[in-house]
Every structure is written in C-alpha cells, then in structure tokens.
Amino acid sequence: MSVVANGPHARLAELGLELPEVVPPVASYLPAVQSGQHVYVSGQLPMAEGKLLATGKVGAGVSAEQAKQLAQRCALNALAAIDSLVGLENVVKIVKLTGFVASAPGFTGQPGVINGASDLFGTVFGEAGRHARSAVGVAELPLDAPVEVELIVEVS
C-alpha cells in the first residue's frame, strides 16, 4: 500500500489510527460487496482483535461518549472492509451511513453516538466524507453490541 500524502491512509495516520484486519462475518454474509460504482458494507460492530469492545445498552451501562468512540471503531472496521475490496484511494463519496444504537428506555441521543462514525468519515475524506444518514435506536444488536454501522460508498 502506498500512502498518498493527502490520501485517506495518510489522514488516518495523522489521527493515530491504523486500519485493522477485516472483521470476519459472524453469520452468512460478506463484509462488503461491490455492485457497479458502489460498495455496500455490511453492518460493522465495534470489534478489535476478534473481540467486541463493549456490550450493553447505551444509556444504561454504556455512556453516550463511550458509544460514540465505539461508533468510530465501527467506521474504522468499515474502512478496512472497503480497503480490502477496492482500496480507500478509490472512494469517491461516502453516500449513506446507517447507524444502529442499542438504546436503554428513554435514551434519545442516537445522533450524537453515530457522530463518532460521521466525524471520522469527514476527517478522512473531507467533503467526500459528508453523507446522508440514519441514526436508529434499537432494542438489541448482534452479540449485545451497543452500536453497529453500515455504509454505501461510491467508488471509481
């Protein structure tokens, strides 16, 4: 991998972040699939080195700030899936991010949590990292994860 001085890999390095290994699927699906000019990234959990970084509900056991950091990890895992499939240097635009937050009753801060992912994409890709988005509160996520992120990305 060559690091372009102003490219996404260089921006990640400036943030002190390194792309992890692609997280293996926990069921019957692929981490990412390309169809035409788009890459569809499966829901990414906050995994590192094969382990879920936290479990539980946001607003009860997992703070909103911790969940925001976990959403950033989900985004980093999504970038790893994209990089392994087509290379980050081929990303034209982050088109759509959908974020799911396992929420305790009464927790309504889903948008702030998913900003952890959105902010990372904006920093790494600049204007091309600005995207449409949904931030959805859910009762449960796979493996009791607090947050999950999926993407649609346009590539060249």
N, C-alpha and C. Protein backbone atom coordinates (compact mmCIF):
# COMPACT_ATOMS: atom_id res chain seq x y z
N MET A 1 0.85 -1.17 0.00
CA MET A 1 0.00 0.00 0.00
C MET A 1 0.89 1.23 0.00
N SER A 2 0.71 2.08 -0.97
CA SER A 2 1.45 3.34 -0.96
C SER A 2 0.55 4.39 -0.31
N VAL A 3 1.17 5.21 0.52
CA VAL A 3 0.41 6.23 1.23
C VAL A 3 0.55 7.54 0.48
N VAL A 4 -0.54 8.00 -0.13
CA VAL A 4 -0.56 9.28 -0.81
C VAL A 4 -0.56 10.35 0.28
N ALA A 5 0.28 11.37 0.10
CA ALA A 5 0.49 12.39 1.14
C ALA A 5 -0.81 12.98 1.68
N ASN A 6 -1.80 13.15 0.82
CA ASN A 6 -3.05 13.76 1.24
C ASN A 6 -4.21 12.76 1.21
N GLY A 7 -3.88 11.47 1.02
CA GLY A 7 -4.91 10.46 0.86
C GLY A 7 -5.49 9.97 2.17
N PRO A 8 -6.47 9.09 2.08
CA PRO A 8 -7.16 8.61 3.29
C PRO A 8 -6.24 7.87 4.26
N HIS A 9 -5.29 7.11 3.75
CA HIS A 9 -4.37 6.39 4.65
C HIS A 9 -3.52 7.38 5.44
N ALA A 10 -3.07 8.45 4.77
CA ALA A 10 -2.26 9.47 5.45
C ALA A 10 -3.10 10.20 6.50
N ARG A 11 -4.36 10.46 6.19
CA ARG A 11 -5.23 11.14 7.16
C ARG A 11 -5.48 10.26 8.38
N LEU A 12 -5.66 8.96 8.14
CA LEU A 12 -5.82 8.04 9.27
C LEU A 12 -4.57 8.04 10.14
N ALA A 13 -3.41 8.00 9.50
CA ALA A 13 -2.14 8.01 10.25
C ALA A 13 -2.00 9.29 11.07
N GLU A 14 -2.40 10.42 10.49
CA GLU A 14 -2.36 11.70 11.23
C GLU A 14 -3.22 11.65 12.48
N LEU A 15 -4.30 10.88 12.43
CA LEU A 15 -5.20 10.73 13.57
C LEU A 15 -4.68 9.68 14.56
N GLY A 16 -3.58 9.03 14.19
CA GLY A 16 -3.06 7.96 15.04
C GLY A 16 -3.84 6.67 14.90
N LEU A 17 -4.55 6.53 13.79
CA LEU A 17 -5.38 5.34 13.56
C LEU A 17 -4.76 4.47 12.48
N GLU A 18 -4.94 3.20 12.63
CA GLU A 18 -4.45 2.22 11.66
C GLU A 18 -5.61 1.32 11.29
N LEU A 19 -5.71 0.98 10.00
CA LEU A 19 -6.79 0.08 9.60
C LEU A 19 -6.56 -1.29 10.21
N PRO A 20 -7.59 -1.84 10.84
CA PRO A 20 -7.48 -3.19 11.40
C PRO A 20 -7.65 -4.24 10.30
N GLU A 21 -7.46 -5.48 10.68
CA GLU A 21 -7.82 -6.58 9.79
C GLU A 21 -9.34 -6.53 9.60
N VAL A 22 -9.80 -7.00 8.45
CA VAL A 22 -11.25 -7.04 8.20
C VAL A 22 -11.88 -8.00 9.21
N VAL A 23 -12.95 -7.53 9.84
CA VAL A 23 -13.65 -8.35 10.83
C VAL A 23 -14.37 -9.48 10.09
N PRO A 24 -14.09 -10.73 10.46
CA PRO A 24 -14.80 -11.84 9.82
C PRO A 24 -16.29 -11.78 10.13
N PRO A 25 -17.13 -12.13 9.18
CA PRO A 25 -18.58 -12.12 9.41
C PRO A 25 -18.96 -13.05 10.56
N VAL A 26 -20.00 -12.67 11.33
CA VAL A 26 -20.48 -13.51 12.41
C VAL A 26 -21.63 -14.42 11.94
N ALA A 27 -21.98 -14.35 10.66
CA ALA A 27 -23.05 -15.18 10.09
C ALA A 27 -22.77 -15.34 8.59
N SER A 28 -23.80 -15.64 7.81
CA SER A 28 -23.65 -15.92 6.38
C SER A 28 -23.78 -14.67 5.53
N TYR A 29 -22.70 -13.91 5.40
CA TYR A 29 -22.67 -12.71 4.57
C TYR A 29 -21.22 -12.32 4.32
N LEU A 30 -21.02 -11.36 3.43
CA LEU A 30 -19.69 -10.83 3.15
C LEU A 30 -19.53 -9.49 3.84
N PRO A 31 -18.31 -9.12 4.24
CA PRO A 31 -18.10 -7.82 4.88
C PRO A 31 -18.46 -6.65 3.97
N ALA A 32 -18.21 -6.79 2.67
CA ALA A 32 -18.53 -5.73 1.71
C ALA A 32 -18.69 -6.35 0.33
N VAL A 33 -19.55 -5.74 -0.47
CA VAL A 33 -19.82 -6.21 -1.83
C VAL A 33 -19.84 -5.00 -2.75
N GLN A 34 -19.20 -5.13 -3.91
CA GLN A 34 -19.26 -4.07 -4.91
C GLN A 34 -20.28 -4.43 -5.96
N SER A 35 -21.11 -3.44 -6.32
CA SER A 35 -22.05 -3.56 -7.42
C SER A 35 -21.95 -2.28 -8.21
N GLY A 36 -21.42 -2.36 -9.41
CA GLY A 36 -21.22 -1.16 -10.21
C GLY A 36 -20.26 -0.21 -9.53
N GLN A 37 -20.67 1.04 -9.37
CA GLN A 37 -19.82 2.08 -8.77
C GLN A 37 -20.03 2.20 -7.27
N HIS A 38 -20.71 1.24 -6.66
CA HIS A 38 -21.00 1.33 -5.23
C HIS A 38 -20.47 0.11 -4.47
N VAL A 39 -20.03 0.37 -3.25
CA VAL A 39 -19.68 -0.69 -2.32
C VAL A 39 -20.68 -0.61 -1.18
N TYR A 40 -21.26 -1.75 -0.87
CA TYR A 40 -22.21 -1.88 0.22
C TYR A 40 -21.48 -2.62 1.35
N VAL A 41 -21.32 -1.94 2.47
CA VAL A 41 -20.60 -2.51 3.61
C VAL A 41 -21.62 -3.05 4.60
N SER A 42 -21.47 -4.32 4.94
CA SER A 42 -22.35 -4.94 5.93
C SER A 42 -22.19 -4.25 7.27
N GLY A 43 -23.18 -4.41 8.12
CA GLY A 43 -23.13 -3.82 9.45
C GLY A 43 -21.85 -4.21 10.17
N GLN A 44 -21.14 -3.22 10.65
CA GLN A 44 -19.88 -3.43 11.36
C GLN A 44 -20.07 -3.16 12.84
N LEU A 45 -19.63 -4.09 13.65
CA LEU A 45 -19.68 -3.96 15.09
C LEU A 45 -18.36 -3.38 15.61
N PRO A 46 -18.34 -2.90 16.84
CA PRO A 46 -17.10 -2.36 17.40
C PRO A 46 -16.16 -3.48 17.86
N MET A 47 -15.57 -4.16 16.89
CA MET A 47 -14.67 -5.29 17.16
C MET A 47 -13.23 -4.84 17.02
N ALA A 48 -12.37 -5.41 17.85
CA ALA A 48 -10.93 -5.21 17.74
C ALA A 48 -10.25 -6.52 18.15
N GLU A 49 -9.36 -6.97 17.29
CA GLU A 49 -8.61 -8.19 17.54
C GLU A 49 -9.52 -9.36 17.89
N GLY A 50 -10.64 -9.45 17.16
CA GLY A 50 -11.56 -10.57 17.32
C GLY A 50 -12.51 -10.48 18.49
N LYS A 51 -12.50 -9.35 19.21
CA LYS A 51 -13.34 -9.22 20.39
C LYS A 51 -14.20 -7.97 20.30
N LEU A 52 -15.41 -8.09 20.81
CA LEU A 52 -16.30 -6.94 20.93
C LEU A 52 -15.76 -6.04 22.04
N LEU A 53 -15.61 -4.74 21.76
CA LEU A 53 -15.00 -3.82 22.71
C LEU A 53 -15.90 -3.50 23.91
N ALA A 54 -17.20 -3.66 23.76
CA ALA A 54 -18.14 -3.40 24.86
C ALA A 54 -19.45 -4.09 24.52
N THR A 55 -20.24 -4.32 25.55
CA THR A 55 -21.59 -4.86 25.36
C THR A 55 -22.55 -4.03 26.19
N GLY A 56 -23.82 -4.15 25.85
CA GLY A 56 -24.85 -3.50 26.64
C GLY A 56 -25.57 -2.38 25.91
N LYS A 57 -26.42 -1.71 26.66
CA LYS A 57 -27.27 -0.66 26.12
C LYS A 57 -26.66 0.72 26.38
N VAL A 58 -26.79 1.58 25.40
CA VAL A 58 -26.37 2.96 25.57
C VAL A 58 -27.42 3.66 26.43
N GLY A 59 -26.95 4.34 27.45
CA GLY A 59 -27.85 4.97 28.40
C GLY A 59 -28.07 4.13 29.64
N ALA A 60 -27.52 2.92 29.65
CA ALA A 60 -27.61 2.03 30.83
C ALA A 60 -26.42 1.08 30.75
N GLY A 61 -25.32 1.46 31.31
CA GLY A 61 -24.13 0.61 31.28
C GLY A 61 -23.10 1.06 30.28
N VAL A 62 -23.52 1.66 29.19
CA VAL A 62 -22.61 2.22 28.18
C VAL A 62 -22.96 3.70 28.04
N SER A 63 -21.99 4.56 28.27
CA SER A 63 -22.26 6.00 28.17
C SER A 63 -22.35 6.43 26.71
N ALA A 64 -22.98 7.55 26.48
CA ALA A 64 -23.09 8.08 25.11
C ALA A 64 -21.70 8.38 24.56
N GLU A 65 -20.80 8.90 25.39
CA GLU A 65 -19.44 9.20 24.92
C GLU A 65 -18.68 7.93 24.56
N GLN A 66 -18.82 6.89 25.38
CA GLN A 66 -18.18 5.61 25.07
C GLN A 66 -18.76 5.05 23.77
N ALA A 67 -20.08 5.14 23.61
CA ALA A 67 -20.73 4.63 22.41
C ALA A 67 -20.27 5.39 21.17
N LYS A 68 -20.02 6.70 21.31
CA LYS A 68 -19.51 7.49 20.19
C LYS A 68 -18.14 6.96 19.75
N GLN A 69 -17.29 6.61 20.69
CA GLN A 69 -15.98 6.02 20.37
C GLN A 69 -16.15 4.65 19.72
N LEU A 70 -17.13 3.89 20.20
CA LEU A 70 -17.40 2.58 19.60
C LEU A 70 -17.90 2.73 18.16
N ALA A 71 -18.71 3.76 17.91
CA ALA A 71 -19.18 4.03 16.54
C ALA A 71 -18.00 4.36 15.64
N GLN A 72 -17.02 5.09 16.18
CA GLN A 72 -15.81 5.37 15.39
C GLN A 72 -15.09 4.07 15.05
N ARG A 73 -15.05 3.13 15.99
CA ARG A 73 -14.41 1.84 15.72
C ARG A 73 -15.17 1.08 14.64
N CYS A 74 -16.51 1.14 14.70
CA CYS A 74 -17.31 0.51 13.64
C CYS A 74 -16.94 1.11 12.28
N ALA A 75 -16.79 2.43 12.24
CA ALA A 75 -16.44 3.12 11.00
C ALA A 75 -15.06 2.69 10.52
N LEU A 76 -14.12 2.55 11.42
CA LEU A 76 -12.78 2.10 11.07
C LEU A 76 -12.83 0.68 10.49
N ASN A 77 -13.65 -0.17 11.09
CA ASN A 77 -13.82 -1.53 10.56
C ASN A 77 -14.45 -1.50 9.17
N ALA A 78 -15.38 -0.58 8.95
CA ALA A 78 -15.99 -0.43 7.63
C ALA A 78 -14.94 0.00 6.61
N LEU A 79 -14.08 0.93 6.99
CA LEU A 79 -13.00 1.37 6.09
C LEU A 79 -12.06 0.22 5.75
N ALA A 80 -11.80 -0.64 6.71
CA ALA A 80 -10.94 -1.80 6.45
C ALA A 80 -11.60 -2.72 5.41
N ALA A 81 -12.91 -2.91 5.52
CA ALA A 81 -13.63 -3.75 4.56
C ALA A 81 -13.58 -3.14 3.16
N ILE A 82 -13.75 -1.82 3.08
CA ILE A 82 -13.67 -1.13 1.79
C ILE A 82 -12.27 -1.24 1.21
N ASP A 83 -11.28 -0.99 2.05
CA ASP A 83 -9.89 -1.02 1.59
C ASP A 83 -9.52 -2.39 1.05
N SER A 84 -9.96 -3.45 1.72
CA SER A 84 -9.61 -4.80 1.27
C SER A 84 -10.29 -5.17 -0.04
N LEU A 85 -11.44 -4.54 -0.31
CA LEU A 85 -12.20 -4.86 -1.52
C LEU A 85 -11.75 -4.02 -2.72
N VAL A 86 -11.64 -2.71 -2.52
CA VAL A 86 -11.37 -1.82 -3.67
C VAL A 86 -10.26 -0.80 -3.42
N GLY A 87 -9.82 -0.65 -2.18
CA GLY A 87 -8.81 0.36 -1.84
C GLY A 87 -9.46 1.67 -1.47
N LEU A 88 -9.04 2.25 -0.35
CA LEU A 88 -9.62 3.53 0.10
C LEU A 88 -9.38 4.66 -0.89
N GLU A 89 -8.28 4.57 -1.64
CA GLU A 89 -7.96 5.64 -2.60
C GLU A 89 -8.99 5.71 -3.74
N ASN A 90 -9.83 4.68 -3.86
CA ASN A 90 -10.86 4.66 -4.90
C ASN A 90 -12.22 5.16 -4.42
N VAL A 91 -12.30 5.57 -3.15
CA VAL A 91 -13.56 6.09 -2.63
C VAL A 91 -13.80 7.48 -3.21
N VAL A 92 -14.93 7.64 -3.88
CA VAL A 92 -15.35 8.93 -4.45
C VAL A 92 -16.21 9.68 -3.43
N LYS A 93 -17.08 8.94 -2.73
CA LYS A 93 -18.05 9.58 -1.84
C LYS A 93 -18.59 8.56 -0.85
N ILE A 94 -18.67 8.95 0.43
CA ILE A 94 -19.46 8.19 1.39
C ILE A 94 -20.90 8.64 1.13
N VAL A 95 -21.73 7.75 0.65
CA VAL A 95 -23.08 8.12 0.22
C VAL A 95 -24.07 8.06 1.37
N LYS A 96 -24.13 6.94 2.08
CA LYS A 96 -25.15 6.74 3.11
C LYS A 96 -24.58 5.93 4.26
N LEU A 97 -24.78 6.43 5.44
CA LEU A 97 -24.40 5.73 6.67
C LEU A 97 -25.68 5.43 7.42
N THR A 98 -25.83 4.20 7.86
CA THR A 98 -26.92 3.85 8.76
C THR A 98 -26.29 3.36 10.05
N GLY A 99 -26.66 4.00 11.14
CA GLY A 99 -26.13 3.63 12.44
C GLY A 99 -27.24 3.13 13.35
N PHE A 100 -26.97 2.05 14.03
CA PHE A 100 -27.93 1.44 14.95
C PHE A 100 -27.35 1.53 16.36
N VAL A 101 -28.14 1.98 17.30
CA VAL A 101 -27.70 2.14 18.68
C VAL A 101 -28.63 1.32 19.58
N ALA A 102 -28.06 0.32 20.26
CA ALA A 102 -28.84 -0.44 21.24
C ALA A 102 -29.11 0.50 22.41
N SER A 103 -30.36 0.91 22.55
CA SER A 103 -30.70 2.01 23.44
C SER A 103 -31.52 1.56 24.64
N ALA A 104 -31.12 2.06 25.80
CA ALA A 104 -31.92 1.86 27.01
C ALA A 104 -33.20 2.68 26.87
N PRO A 105 -34.27 2.28 27.56
CA PRO A 105 -35.50 3.07 27.51
C PRO A 105 -35.23 4.53 27.87
N GLY A 106 -35.76 5.42 27.06
CA GLY A 106 -35.61 6.84 27.30
C GLY A 106 -34.36 7.46 26.69
N PHE A 107 -33.42 6.64 26.18
CA PHE A 107 -32.21 7.22 25.57
C PHE A 107 -32.57 7.74 24.18
N THR A 108 -32.29 9.01 23.92
CA THR A 108 -32.63 9.62 22.63
C THR A 108 -31.43 10.29 21.97
N GLY A 109 -30.23 9.94 22.39
CA GLY A 109 -29.02 10.57 21.86
C GLY A 109 -28.36 9.82 20.72
N GLN A 110 -29.14 9.05 19.96
CA GLN A 110 -28.57 8.26 18.87
C GLN A 110 -27.77 9.10 17.87
N PRO A 111 -28.26 10.28 17.46
CA PRO A 111 -27.47 11.08 16.51
C PRO A 111 -26.07 11.42 17.02
N GLY A 112 -25.95 11.77 18.29
CA GLY A 112 -24.64 12.10 18.86
C GLY A 112 -23.71 10.90 18.88
N VAL A 113 -24.26 9.73 19.15
CA VAL A 113 -23.46 8.50 19.14
C VAL A 113 -22.91 8.24 17.74
N ILE A 114 -23.77 8.32 16.74
CA ILE A 114 -23.36 8.00 15.37
C ILE A 114 -22.44 9.06 14.80
N ASN A 115 -22.40 10.24 15.42
CA ASN A 115 -21.40 11.24 15.01
C ASN A 115 -19.98 10.69 15.12
N GLY A 116 -19.75 9.71 15.97
CA GLY A 116 -18.42 9.10 16.05
C GLY A 116 -17.98 8.55 14.71
N ALA A 117 -18.91 7.96 13.98
CA ALA A 117 -18.61 7.44 12.64
C ALA A 117 -18.59 8.58 11.62
N SER A 118 -19.61 9.42 11.65
CA SER A 118 -19.70 10.51 10.67
C SER A 118 -18.48 11.42 10.73
N ASP A 119 -18.06 11.77 11.93
CA ASP A 119 -16.91 12.67 12.07
C ASP A 119 -15.64 12.04 11.51
N LEU A 120 -15.47 10.75 11.71
CA LEU A 120 -14.29 10.08 11.16
C LEU A 120 -14.30 10.15 9.63
N PHE A 121 -15.43 9.87 9.02
CA PHE A 121 -15.50 9.92 7.55
C PHE A 121 -15.23 11.32 7.04
N GLY A 122 -15.75 12.33 7.71
CA GLY A 122 -15.49 13.71 7.32
C GLY A 122 -14.02 14.07 7.41
N THR A 123 -13.37 13.62 8.46
CA THR A 123 -11.94 13.90 8.64
C THR A 123 -11.09 13.17 7.60
N VAL A 124 -11.42 11.93 7.34
CA VAL A 124 -10.62 11.11 6.42
C VAL A 124 -10.83 11.50 4.97
N PHE A 125 -12.07 11.83 4.59
CA PHE A 125 -12.38 12.08 3.18
C PHE A 125 -12.76 13.52 2.85
N GLY A 126 -12.77 14.40 3.84
CA GLY A 126 -13.15 15.79 3.58
C GLY A 126 -14.58 15.86 3.10
N GLU A 127 -14.83 16.71 2.12
CA GLU A 127 -16.17 16.89 1.58
C GLU A 127 -16.77 15.58 1.08
N ALA A 128 -15.94 14.69 0.53
CA ALA A 128 -16.42 13.39 0.05
C ALA A 128 -16.88 12.49 1.19
N GLY A 129 -16.55 12.84 2.41
CA GLY A 129 -16.98 12.06 3.56
C GLY A 129 -18.30 12.49 4.14
N ARG A 130 -18.85 13.61 3.64
CA ARG A 130 -20.18 14.07 4.09
C ARG A 130 -21.24 13.20 3.42
N HIS A 131 -22.24 12.78 4.16
CA HIS A 131 -23.13 11.73 3.68
C HIS A 131 -24.56 11.91 4.20
N ALA A 132 -25.47 11.21 3.57
CA ALA A 132 -26.82 11.04 4.10
C ALA A 132 -26.72 10.04 5.25
N ARG A 133 -27.68 10.10 6.20
CA ARG A 133 -27.51 9.25 7.37
C ARG A 133 -28.82 8.99 8.08
N SER A 134 -28.90 7.83 8.69
CA SER A 134 -29.95 7.50 9.65
C SER A 134 -29.27 7.04 10.93
N ALA A 135 -29.81 7.47 12.07
CA ALA A 135 -29.33 7.02 13.39
C ALA A 135 -30.54 6.46 14.11
N VAL A 136 -30.55 5.16 14.31
CA VAL A 136 -31.74 4.45 14.74
C VAL A 136 -31.51 3.79 16.10
N GLY A 137 -32.41 4.00 17.02
CA GLY A 137 -32.38 3.30 18.29
C GLY A 137 -33.06 1.95 18.16
N VAL A 138 -32.41 0.91 18.67
CA VAL A 138 -32.96 -0.45 18.59
C VAL A 138 -32.89 -1.11 19.97
N ALA A 139 -33.68 -2.16 20.13
CA ALA A 139 -33.72 -2.88 21.41
C ALA A 139 -32.48 -3.76 21.61
N GLU A 140 -32.03 -4.42 20.57
CA GLU A 140 -30.90 -5.36 20.67
C GLU A 140 -30.10 -5.32 19.38
N LEU A 141 -28.80 -5.58 19.50
CA LEU A 141 -27.93 -5.75 18.35
C LEU A 141 -27.19 -7.08 18.49
N PRO A 142 -26.65 -7.61 17.39
CA PRO A 142 -25.93 -8.88 17.47
C PRO A 142 -24.84 -8.86 18.55
N LEU A 143 -24.70 -9.96 19.26
CA LEU A 143 -23.69 -10.17 20.30
C LEU A 143 -23.81 -9.18 21.46
N ASP A 144 -24.95 -8.51 21.57
CA ASP A 144 -25.20 -7.49 22.60
C ASP A 144 -24.32 -6.26 22.39
N ALA A 145 -23.95 -6.00 21.13
CA ALA A 145 -23.15 -4.81 20.81
C ALA A 145 -23.97 -3.55 21.08
N PRO A 146 -23.31 -2.48 21.53
CA PRO A 146 -24.03 -1.23 21.76
C PRO A 146 -24.31 -0.44 20.49
N VAL A 147 -23.52 -0.67 19.43
CA VAL A 147 -23.65 0.13 18.22
C VAL A 147 -23.23 -0.70 17.00
N GLU A 148 -23.82 -0.38 15.85
CA GLU A 148 -23.49 -1.03 14.58
C GLU A 148 -23.62 0.02 13.48
N VAL A 149 -22.73 -0.06 12.50
CA VAL A 149 -22.70 0.92 11.41
C VAL A 149 -22.63 0.18 10.08
N GLU A 150 -23.45 0.62 9.11
CA GLU A 150 -23.34 0.10 7.74
C GLU A 150 -23.23 1.26 6.78
N LEU A 151 -22.66 1.01 5.60
CA LEU A 151 -22.35 2.08 4.65
C LEU A 151 -22.71 1.72 3.22
N ILE A 152 -22.96 2.77 2.45
CA ILE A 152 -22.96 2.69 0.99
C ILE A 152 -21.96 3.73 0.54
N VAL A 153 -21.02 3.30 -0.31
CA VAL A 153 -19.91 4.15 -0.74
C VAL A 153 -19.82 4.12 -2.26
N GLU A 154 -19.65 5.29 -2.87
CA GLU A 154 -19.38 5.35 -4.29
C GLU A 154 -17.88 5.25 -4.52
N VAL A 155 -17.49 4.44 -5.51
CA VAL A 155 -16.08 4.25 -5.84
C VAL A 155 -15.82 4.48 -7.31
N SER A 156 -14.57 4.73 -7.63
CA SER A 156 -14.20 4.95 -9.05
C SER A 156 -13.80 3.63 -9.68
